């Protein structure tokens, strides 16, 4: 078991959730069950899967949940592009959010590589 609260990527992804919630407040109300819901669920999935994986009994399981979190980050990245395509967000907001998502993707990748290479026992 790992202490997810000590993982910087978990903290960053929690902040991203708040950013996405604030961003989607600006979307048209008829997107409430469409893109708004999808983006919020994808964003929430990132820190949630990092936390769930950290609570598992093995590094192998933790790595699997990091993969799921990373998949959600790629979903969110696409959804940000779609929001821009629909003129729901500006190019500046799109760029800012994409940069944050990609930073989280890199952090997840580095964390995975660390655990794959070091095989740290769970505590």
C-alpha atoms as a PDB file:
ATOM      1  CA  UNK A   1       0.000   0.000   0.000  1.00  0.00           C
ATOM      2  CA  UNK A   2       1.294   3.444  -0.945  1.00  0.00           C
ATOM      3  CA  UNK A   3       0.426   6.786   0.601  1.00  0.00           C
ATOM      4  CA  UNK A   4      -1.375   8.502  -2.278  1.00  0.00           C
ATOM      5  CA  UNK A   5      -1.420  11.827  -0.383  1.00  0.00           C
ATOM      6  CA  UNK A   6       2.346  12.015  -0.815  1.00  0.00           C
ATOM      7  CA  UNK A   7       2.105  11.676  -4.585  1.00  0.00           C
ATOM      8  CA  UNK A   8       2.497  15.022  -6.328  1.00  0.00           C
ATOM      9  CA  UNK A   9       0.646  13.678  -9.377  1.00  0.00           C
ATOM     10  CA  UNK A  10      -2.391  12.991  -7.172  1.00  0.00           C
ATOM     11  CA  UNK A  11      -2.312  16.593  -5.913  1.00  0.00           C
ATOM     12  CA  UNK A  12      -1.941  17.992  -9.445  1.00  0.00           C
ATOM     13  CA  UNK A  13      -4.784  15.845 -10.748  1.00  0.00           C
ATOM     14  CA  UNK A  14      -7.054  16.997  -7.894  1.00  0.00           C
ATOM     15  CA  UNK A  15      -6.396  20.598  -8.915  1.00  0.00           C
ATOM     16  CA  UNK A  16      -7.164  19.677 -12.510  1.00  0.00           C
ATOM     17  CA  UNK A  17     -10.598  18.429 -11.420  1.00  0.00           C
ATOM     18  CA  UNK A  18     -11.360  21.873  -9.964  1.00  0.00           C
ATOM     19  CA  UNK A  19     -10.125  23.533 -13.143  1.00  0.00           C
ATOM     20  CA  UNK A  20     -12.370  21.345 -15.296  1.00  0.00           C
ATOM     21  CA  UNK A  21     -15.392  21.994 -13.089  1.00  0.00           C
ATOM     22  CA  UNK A  22     -14.792  25.744 -13.336  1.00  0.00           C
ATOM     23  CA  UNK A  23     -14.244  25.522 -17.078  1.00  0.00           C
ATOM     24  CA  UNK A  24     -17.398  23.516 -17.764  1.00  0.00           C
ATOM     25  CA  UNK A  25     -19.529  26.016 -15.820  1.00  0.00           C
ATOM     26  CA  UNK A  26     -19.184  28.197 -18.907  1.00  0.00           C
ATOM     27  CA  UNK A  27     -20.588  25.582 -21.302  1.00  0.00           C
ATOM     28  CA  UNK A  28     -24.163  25.726 -22.629  1.00  0.00           C
ATOM     29  CA  UNK A  29     -26.710  24.101 -20.315  1.00  0.00           C
ATOM     30  CA  UNK A  30     -27.739  21.635 -23.026  1.00  0.00           C
ATOM     31  CA  UNK A  31     -24.268  20.039 -22.656  1.00  0.00           C
ATOM     32  CA  UNK A  32     -25.008  19.123 -19.032  1.00  0.00           C
ATOM     33  CA  UNK A  33     -25.454  15.431 -19.904  1.00  0.00           C
ATOM     34  CA  UNK A  34     -22.961  15.470 -22.759  1.00  0.00           C
ATOM     35  CA  UNK A  35     -19.536  17.019 -22.814  1.00  0.00           C
ATOM     36  CA  UNK A  36     -19.788  18.581 -19.344  1.00  0.00           C
ATOM     37  CA  UNK A  37     -20.523  15.236 -17.737  1.00  0.00           C
ATOM     38  CA  UNK A  38     -17.882  13.414 -19.786  1.00  0.00           C
ATOM     39  CA  UNK A  39     -15.152  15.935 -18.989  1.00  0.00           C
ATOM     40  CA  UNK A  40     -15.951  15.981 -15.295  1.00  0.00           C
ATOM     41  CA  UNK A  41     -16.020  12.184 -15.079  1.00  0.00           C
ATOM     42  CA  UNK A  42     -12.735  11.849 -16.974  1.00  0.00           C
ATOM     43  CA  UNK A  43     -11.074  14.423 -14.726  1.00  0.00           C
ATOM     44  CA  UNK A  44     -12.401  12.791 -11.537  1.00  0.00           C
ATOM     45  CA  UNK A  45     -11.205   9.405 -12.734  1.00  0.00           C
ATOM     46  CA  UNK A  46      -7.553  10.489 -12.759  1.00  0.00           C
ATOM     47  CA  UNK A  47      -6.963  11.132  -9.020  1.00  0.00           C
ATOM     48  CA  UNK A  48      -9.531   8.487  -8.083  1.00  0.00           C
ATOM     49  CA  UNK A  49      -7.646   5.735  -9.902  1.00  0.00           C
ATOM     50  CA  UNK A  50      -4.301   6.914  -8.560  1.00  0.00           C
ATOM     51  CA  UNK A  51      -5.740   6.695  -5.053  1.00  0.00           C
ATOM     52  CA  UNK A  52      -7.428   3.351  -5.633  1.00  0.00           C
ATOM     53  CA  UNK A  53      -4.254   1.871  -7.068  1.00  0.00           C
ATOM     54  CA  UNK A  54      -2.190   3.183  -4.183  1.00  0.00           C
ATOM     55  CA  UNK A  55      -4.487   1.338  -1.814  1.00  0.00           C
ATOM     56  CA  UNK A  56      -3.988  -2.016  -3.524  1.00  0.00           C
ATOM     57  CA  UNK A  57      -1.782  -4.766  -2.184  1.00  0.00           C
ATOM     58  CA  UNK A  58       0.809  -4.898  -4.926  1.00  0.00           C
ATOM     59  CA  UNK A  59       2.828  -2.694  -7.218  1.00  0.00           C
ATOM     60  CA  UNK A  60       1.419  -4.647 -10.164  1.00  0.00           C
ATOM     61  CA  UNK A  61      -2.105  -3.575  -9.236  1.00  0.00           C
ATOM     62  CA  UNK A  62      -0.930  -0.021  -8.600  1.00  0.00           C
ATOM     63  CA  UNK A  63       0.587   0.085 -12.083  1.00  0.00           C
ATOM     64  CA  UNK A  64      -2.692  -1.150 -13.577  1.00  0.00           C
ATOM     65  CA  UNK A  65      -4.601   1.694 -11.921  1.00  0.00           C
ATOM     66  CA  UNK A  66      -1.981   4.190 -13.078  1.00  0.00           C
ATOM     67  CA  UNK A  67      -2.705   2.933 -16.611  1.00  0.00           C
ATOM     68  CA  UNK A  68      -6.416   3.561 -16.069  1.00  0.00           C
ATOM     69  CA  UNK A  69      -5.721   7.059 -14.714  1.00  0.00           C
ATOM     70  CA  UNK A  70      -3.542   7.754 -17.726  1.00  0.00           C
ATOM     71  CA  UNK A  71      -6.272   6.540 -20.084  1.00  0.00           C
ATOM     72  CA  UNK A  72      -8.697   8.950 -18.438  1.00  0.00           C
ATOM     73  CA  UNK A  73      -6.205  11.776 -18.931  1.00  0.00           C
ATOM     74  CA  UNK A  74      -6.104  11.039 -22.659  1.00  0.00           C
ATOM     75  CA  UNK A  75      -9.908  11.003 -22.772  1.00  0.00           C
ATOM     76  CA  UNK A  76      -9.937  14.388 -21.067  1.00  0.00           C
ATOM     77  CA  UNK A  77      -7.361  15.739 -23.495  1.00  0.00           C
ATOM     78  CA  UNK A  78      -9.593  14.818 -26.436  1.00  0.00           C
ATOM     79  CA  UNK A  79     -12.640  16.300 -24.706  1.00  0.00           C
ATOM     80  CA  UNK A  80     -10.799  19.599 -24.211  1.00  0.00           C
ATOM     81  CA  UNK A  81     -10.093  19.679 -27.937  1.00  0.00           C
ATOM     82  CA  UNK A  82     -13.767  18.936 -28.620  1.00  0.00           C
ATOM     83  CA  UNK A  83     -14.834  21.768 -26.319  1.00  0.00           C
ATOM     84  CA  UNK A  84     -12.616  24.101 -28.310  1.00  0.00           C
ATOM     85  CA  UNK A  85     -14.016  22.743 -31.595  1.00  0.00           C
ATOM     86  CA  UNK A  86     -17.516  23.621 -30.370  1.00  0.00           C
ATOM     87  CA  UNK A  87     -16.363  27.137 -29.387  1.00  0.00           C
ATOM     88  CA  UNK A  88     -17.083  26.482 -25.706  1.00  0.00           C
ATOM     89  CA  UNK A  89     -13.568  27.518 -24.697  1.00  0.00           C
ATOM     90  CA  UNK A  90     -10.966  29.866 -26.099  1.00  0.00           C
ATOM     91  CA  UNK A  91      -7.715  28.739 -27.654  1.00  0.00           C
ATOM     92  CA  UNK A  92      -5.896  30.103 -24.602  1.00  0.00           C
ATOM     93  CA  UNK A  93      -8.009  28.048 -22.190  1.00  0.00           C
ATOM     94  CA  UNK A  94      -7.631  24.988 -24.393  1.00  0.00           C
ATOM     95  CA  UNK A  95      -3.865  25.386 -24.454  1.00  0.00           C
ATOM     96  CA  UNK A  96      -3.641  25.929 -20.687  1.00  0.00           C
ATOM     97  CA  UNK A  97      -5.725  22.866 -19.857  1.00  0.00           C
ATOM     98  CA  UNK A  98      -3.957  20.653 -22.401  1.00  0.00           C
ATOM     99  CA  UNK A  99      -0.627  21.669 -20.881  1.00  0.00           C
ATOM    100  CA  UNK A 100      -1.859  20.654 -17.410  1.00  0.00           C
ATOM    101  CA  UNK A 101      -3.163  17.314 -18.682  1.00  0.00           C
ATOM    102  CA  UNK A 102       0.082  16.542 -20.484  1.00  0.00           C
ATOM    103  CA  UNK A 103       2.083  17.355 -17.374  1.00  0.00           C
ATOM    104  CA  UNK A 104      -0.013  14.831 -15.444  1.00  0.00           C
ATOM    105  CA  UNK A 105       0.459  12.260 -18.229  1.00  0.00           C
ATOM    106  CA  UNK A 106       4.229  12.697 -17.990  1.00  0.00           C
ATOM    107  CA  UNK A 107       4.133  12.381 -14.209  1.00  0.00           C
ATOM    108  CA  UNK A 108       2.101   9.174 -14.406  1.00  0.00           C
ATOM    109  CA  UNK A 109       4.531   7.778 -16.968  1.00  0.00           C
ATOM    110  CA  UNK A 110       7.524   8.640 -14.750  1.00  0.00           C
ATOM    111  CA  UNK A 111       5.842   7.133 -11.695  1.00  0.00           C
ATOM    112  CA  UNK A 112       5.088   3.935 -13.612  1.00  0.00           C
ATOM    113  CA  UNK A 113       8.677   3.671 -14.831  1.00  0.00           C
ATOM    114  CA  UNK A 114       9.959   4.220 -11.311  1.00  0.00           C
ATOM    115  CA  UNK A 115       7.858   1.392  -9.898  1.00  0.00           C
ATOM    116  CA  UNK A 116       8.582  -0.901 -12.833  1.00  0.00           C
ATOM    117  CA  UNK A 117      12.349  -0.393 -12.454  1.00  0.00           C
ATOM    118  CA  UNK A 118      12.615  -0.370  -8.668  1.00  0.00           C
ATOM    119  CA  UNK A 119       9.993  -2.917  -7.591  1.00  0.00           C
ATOM    120  CA  UNK A 120       9.557  -1.176  -4.267  1.00  0.00           C
ATOM    121  CA  UNK A 121       7.777  -3.378  -1.726  1.00  0.00           C
ATOM    122  CA  UNK A 122       4.414  -2.126  -0.536  1.00  0.00           C
ATOM    123  CA  UNK A 123       4.190  -0.872   3.027  1.00  0.00           C
END
